[in-house]
N, C-alpha and C. Protein backbone atom coordinates (compact mmCIF):
# COMPACT_ATOMS: atom_id res chain seq x y z
N UNK A 1 -36.10 -39.19 0.07
CA UNK A 1 -37.37 -38.33 -0.03
C UNK A 1 -38.95 -39.22 0.40
N UNK A 2 -39.49 -38.52 0.97
CA UNK A 2 -40.95 -39.09 1.50
C UNK A 2 -41.87 -39.04 0.25
N UNK A 3 -42.20 -40.52 -0.28
CA UNK A 3 -42.92 -40.32 -1.27
C UNK A 3 -44.74 -40.36 -0.85
N UNK A 4 -44.91 -39.39 -0.03
CA UNK A 4 -46.31 -39.26 0.47
C UNK A 4 -46.32 -37.41 0.36
N UNK A 5 -47.67 -37.09 0.34
CA UNK A 5 -47.64 -35.97 0.32
C UNK A 5 -48.07 -35.63 2.04
N UNK A 6 -47.92 -34.20 2.13
CA UNK A 6 -48.15 -33.86 3.33
C UNK A 6 -49.58 -34.19 3.96
N UNK A 7 -50.46 -33.71 3.07
CA UNK A 7 -51.84 -34.24 3.41
C UNK A 7 -52.24 -35.99 3.72
N UNK A 8 -51.30 -36.44 3.13
CA UNK A 8 -51.60 -38.13 2.88
C UNK A 8 -50.69 -38.35 4.53
N UNK A 9 -50.03 -37.73 4.76
CA UNK A 9 -49.10 -38.23 6.13
C UNK A 9 -49.78 -37.70 7.70
N UNK A 10 -50.81 -36.75 7.28
CA UNK A 10 -51.57 -36.14 8.50
C UNK A 10 -51.92 -37.03 9.44
N UNK A 11 -52.91 -37.98 8.64
CA UNK A 11 -53.54 -38.98 9.67
C UNK A 11 -53.01 -39.97 10.35
N UNK A 12 -52.01 -40.74 9.57
CA UNK A 12 -51.08 -41.73 10.04
C UNK A 12 -50.15 -41.13 10.90
N UNK A 13 -49.77 -39.86 10.71
CA UNK A 13 -48.83 -39.23 11.66
C UNK A 13 -49.68 -38.85 13.07
N UNK A 14 -50.69 -38.29 12.88
CA UNK A 14 -51.64 -38.02 14.15
C UNK A 14 -51.95 -39.48 14.99
N UNK A 15 -52.32 -40.30 14.32
CA UNK A 15 -52.75 -41.58 14.99
C UNK A 15 -51.49 -42.32 15.70
N UNK A 16 -50.36 -42.04 15.24
CA UNK A 16 -49.19 -42.80 15.73
C UNK A 16 -48.64 -41.97 17.15
N UNK A 17 -48.84 -40.44 16.93
CA UNK A 17 -48.49 -39.84 17.75
C UNK A 17 -49.48 -39.95 19.20
N UNK A 18 -50.89 -40.11 18.92
CA UNK A 18 -51.71 -40.43 19.91
C UNK A 18 -51.39 -41.73 20.60
N UNK A 19 -50.66 -42.64 19.89
CA UNK A 19 -50.43 -43.82 20.66
C UNK A 19 -49.09 -43.72 21.48
N UNK A 20 -48.44 -42.82 21.10
CA UNK A 20 -47.11 -42.46 21.88
C UNK A 20 -47.32 -41.46 23.33
N UNK A 21 -48.57 -40.77 23.26
CA UNK A 21 -48.88 -39.97 24.39
C UNK A 21 -49.02 -40.63 25.70
N UNK A 22 -49.54 -41.80 25.82
CA UNK A 22 -49.69 -42.42 27.21
C UNK A 22 -48.31 -42.63 27.83
N UNK A 23 -47.35 -43.27 26.99
CA UNK A 23 -45.89 -43.41 27.55
C UNK A 23 -45.46 -42.09 28.22
N UNK A 24 -45.66 -40.87 27.43
CA UNK A 24 -44.94 -39.92 28.00
C UNK A 24 -45.87 -39.37 29.09
N UNK A 25 -47.18 -39.52 29.20
CA UNK A 25 -48.11 -39.16 30.30
C UNK A 25 -47.61 -39.89 31.67
N UNK A 26 -47.01 -41.13 31.43
CA UNK A 26 -46.47 -42.09 32.76
C UNK A 26 -45.71 -40.77 33.35
N UNK A 27 -44.86 -39.87 32.87
CA UNK A 27 -43.51 -39.18 33.61
C UNK A 27 -44.12 -37.76 33.68
N UNK A 28 -45.54 -37.42 33.54
CA UNK A 28 -46.06 -36.50 33.39
C UNK A 28 -46.09 -35.61 32.28
N UNK A 29 -45.31 -35.78 31.06
CA UNK A 29 -45.37 -35.04 29.93
C UNK A 29 -46.63 -35.54 29.10
N UNK A 30 -46.38 -34.88 27.83
CA UNK A 30 -47.47 -34.82 26.80
C UNK A 30 -46.76 -34.43 25.47
N UNK A 31 -47.43 -34.73 24.44
CA UNK A 31 -46.87 -34.06 23.08
C UNK A 31 -48.08 -33.60 22.29
N UNK A 32 -48.25 -32.77 21.52
CA UNK A 32 -49.12 -32.00 20.74
C UNK A 32 -48.56 -32.32 19.25
N UNK A 33 -49.42 -32.83 18.37
CA UNK A 33 -49.15 -32.86 16.98
C UNK A 33 -49.80 -31.59 16.30
N UNK A 34 -48.81 -30.70 15.81
CA UNK A 34 -49.16 -29.47 15.17
C UNK A 34 -49.52 -29.62 13.64
N UNK A 35 -48.57 -30.16 12.93
CA UNK A 35 -48.69 -30.29 11.48
C UNK A 35 -47.66 -31.16 10.98
N UNK A 36 -47.86 -31.39 9.48
CA UNK A 36 -46.85 -31.63 8.55
C UNK A 36 -46.41 -30.70 7.42
N UNK A 37 -45.29 -30.39 7.34
CA UNK A 37 -44.88 -29.45 6.30
C UNK A 37 -43.77 -29.80 5.66
N UNK A 38 -43.77 -29.93 4.23
CA UNK A 38 -42.75 -30.54 3.41
C UNK A 38 -42.01 -31.68 4.16
N UNK A 39 -42.81 -32.63 4.56
CA UNK A 39 -42.61 -34.10 5.05
C UNK A 39 -41.78 -34.06 6.55
N UNK A 40 -41.81 -32.70 6.95
CA UNK A 40 -41.46 -32.84 8.26
C UNK A 40 -42.81 -32.82 9.20
N UNK A 41 -42.56 -33.40 10.39
CA UNK A 41 -43.66 -33.47 11.31
C UNK A 41 -43.16 -32.31 12.30
N UNK A 42 -44.15 -31.52 12.80
CA UNK A 42 -44.03 -30.37 13.90
C UNK A 42 -44.95 -30.94 15.01
N UNK A 43 -44.20 -31.05 16.23
CA UNK A 43 -44.80 -31.61 17.58
C UNK A 43 -44.24 -30.33 18.44
N UNK A 44 -45.18 -30.38 19.71
CA UNK A 44 -44.70 -29.79 20.74
C UNK A 44 -44.79 -30.45 21.92
N UNK A 45 -43.63 -30.76 22.76
CA UNK A 45 -43.69 -31.39 23.93
C UNK A 45 -44.23 -30.46 25.07
N UNK A 46 -45.13 -31.39 25.70
CA UNK A 46 -45.78 -30.35 26.81
C UNK A 46 -45.56 -31.10 28.20
N UNK A 47 -46.03 -30.38 29.43
CA UNK A 47 -46.05 -30.94 30.53
C UNK A 47 -44.51 -31.10 31.23
N UNK A 48 -44.18 -32.18 31.60
CA UNK A 48 -42.99 -32.05 32.35
C UNK A 48 -41.75 -32.38 31.27
N UNK A 49 -42.21 -32.51 30.20
CA UNK A 49 -41.18 -32.92 28.69
C UNK A 49 -40.50 -31.50 28.33
N UNK A 50 -41.24 -30.38 28.56
CA UNK A 50 -40.97 -28.97 28.16
C UNK A 50 -39.46 -28.70 28.83
N UNK A 51 -39.39 -28.90 30.03
CA UNK A 51 -37.92 -28.46 30.69
C UNK A 51 -37.06 -29.52 30.81
N UNK A 52 -37.48 -30.79 30.60
CA UNK A 52 -36.82 -32.06 30.71
C UNK A 52 -35.35 -31.90 29.79
N UNK A 53 -34.47 -32.55 30.48
CA UNK A 53 -33.10 -32.31 29.81
C UNK A 53 -33.21 -33.63 28.84
N UNK A 54 -34.22 -34.59 28.90
CA UNK A 54 -34.24 -35.66 27.98
C UNK A 54 -35.13 -35.33 26.89
N UNK A 55 -35.40 -34.20 26.65
CA UNK A 55 -36.36 -34.01 25.42
C UNK A 55 -35.92 -34.13 24.22
N UNK A 56 -34.68 -33.91 23.82
CA UNK A 56 -34.01 -34.07 22.64
C UNK A 56 -34.22 -35.81 22.41
N UNK A 57 -34.01 -36.61 23.37
CA UNK A 57 -33.77 -38.11 23.22
C UNK A 57 -35.28 -38.52 23.02
N UNK A 58 -36.33 -37.84 23.62
CA UNK A 58 -37.65 -38.31 23.62
C UNK A 58 -38.26 -38.10 21.97
N UNK A 59 -37.67 -36.90 21.65
CA UNK A 59 -38.18 -36.65 20.05
C UNK A 59 -37.52 -37.75 19.17
N UNK A 60 -36.23 -38.02 19.66
CA UNK A 60 -35.41 -38.68 18.65
C UNK A 60 -35.72 -40.06 18.63
N UNK A 61 -35.80 -40.83 20.18
CA UNK A 61 -36.14 -42.15 20.17
C UNK A 61 -37.62 -42.42 20.37
N UNK A 62 -38.32 -41.82 21.25
CA UNK A 62 -39.58 -42.12 21.06
C UNK A 62 -40.73 -41.71 20.02
N UNK A 63 -40.15 -40.51 19.57
CA UNK A 63 -41.35 -40.04 18.34
C UNK A 63 -40.78 -40.21 17.00
N UNK A 64 -39.51 -39.88 16.70
CA UNK A 64 -39.02 -39.73 15.42
C UNK A 64 -38.81 -41.20 15.05
N UNK A 65 -38.27 -42.28 15.82
CA UNK A 65 -38.01 -43.61 15.49
C UNK A 65 -39.33 -44.40 15.39
N UNK A 66 -40.46 -44.16 15.96
CA UNK A 66 -41.45 -44.68 15.62
C UNK A 66 -42.09 -44.37 14.36
N UNK A 67 -41.95 -42.93 14.03
CA UNK A 67 -42.55 -42.41 12.78
C UNK A 67 -41.66 -43.19 11.71
N UNK A 68 -40.44 -43.21 11.69
CA UNK A 68 -39.63 -43.65 10.78
C UNK A 68 -39.76 -45.27 10.59
N UNK A 69 -39.97 -45.83 11.77
CA UNK A 69 -40.34 -47.51 11.52
C UNK A 69 -41.56 -47.61 11.13
N UNK A 70 -42.62 -47.01 11.27
CA UNK A 70 -43.95 -47.06 10.96
C UNK A 70 -44.43 -46.59 9.52
N UNK A 71 -43.86 -45.25 9.30
CA UNK A 71 -44.51 -44.75 8.18
C UNK A 71 -43.41 -44.43 7.21
N UNK A 72 -41.98 -43.67 7.39
CA UNK A 72 -41.28 -43.75 6.28
C UNK A 72 -39.89 -43.40 7.00
N UNK A 73 -38.89 -43.94 6.64
CA UNK A 73 -37.42 -43.60 7.27
C UNK A 73 -36.99 -42.19 7.06
N UNK A 74 -37.43 -41.38 6.03
CA UNK A 74 -36.95 -40.18 6.04
C UNK A 74 -37.82 -39.18 6.65
N UNK A 75 -38.83 -39.55 7.44
CA UNK A 75 -39.56 -38.24 8.07
C UNK A 75 -38.83 -37.75 9.22
N UNK A 76 -38.71 -36.34 9.03
CA UNK A 76 -37.97 -35.67 10.11
C UNK A 76 -39.07 -34.90 11.42
N UNK A 77 -38.67 -35.05 12.49
CA UNK A 77 -39.49 -34.44 13.55
C UNK A 77 -38.82 -33.18 14.42
N UNK A 78 -39.87 -32.10 14.36
CA UNK A 78 -39.26 -30.95 14.87
C UNK A 78 -40.12 -30.82 15.93
N UNK A 79 -39.22 -30.53 17.20
CA UNK A 79 -40.19 -29.95 18.26
C UNK A 79 -40.11 -28.42 18.57
N UNK A 80 -41.39 -28.18 18.13
CA UNK A 80 -41.54 -26.54 18.02
C UNK A 80 -41.74 -26.05 19.46
N UNK A 81 -41.00 -24.75 19.83
CA UNK A 81 -41.03 -24.17 20.86
C UNK A 81 -42.32 -23.46 21.15
N UNK A 82 -42.79 -23.51 22.30
CA UNK A 82 -44.32 -22.70 22.48
C UNK A 82 -44.16 -21.52 21.95
N UNK A 83 -45.12 -21.00 21.51
CA UNK A 83 -45.14 -19.73 20.89
C UNK A 83 -44.88 -19.40 19.35
N UNK A 84 -44.32 -20.53 18.89
CA UNK A 84 -43.98 -20.48 17.55
C UNK A 84 -44.84 -21.31 16.53
N UNK A 85 -46.08 -21.59 16.94
CA UNK A 85 -46.94 -22.32 16.20
C UNK A 85 -47.42 -21.84 14.82
N UNK A 86 -47.61 -20.57 14.97
CA UNK A 86 -47.95 -19.88 13.90
C UNK A 86 -46.73 -19.39 13.00
N UNK A 87 -45.57 -19.76 13.06
CA UNK A 87 -44.38 -19.44 12.47
C UNK A 87 -43.71 -20.54 11.69
N UNK A 88 -44.55 -21.55 11.40
CA UNK A 88 -43.90 -22.70 10.75
C UNK A 88 -43.68 -22.28 9.17
N UNK A 89 -44.23 -21.63 8.72
CA UNK A 89 -43.76 -21.19 7.20
C UNK A 89 -42.40 -20.30 7.35
N UNK A 90 -42.20 -19.51 8.37
CA UNK A 90 -40.83 -19.00 8.46
C UNK A 90 -39.73 -19.69 9.00
N UNK A 91 -39.83 -20.70 9.59
CA UNK A 91 -38.75 -21.89 9.76
C UNK A 91 -38.03 -22.33 8.69
């Protein structure tokens, strides 16, 4: 269990995702931080990352790994498909 509130996680998660963005941009990709809900980090891969076969690896190894190492090991990262940004409450 993550010992932080969603509100407490927002800034450090956002800051860390901003640090990850340049490495994704090298391959024409991008990532958008959406929110933290119930200790789950919702992001959206963009650019060339959207249709890339390596997108699950990007989420697991580039994003989740860094969040787990730098913030808390129980953080979960969810890549939200485009168009579902307003549906987080229903997921």
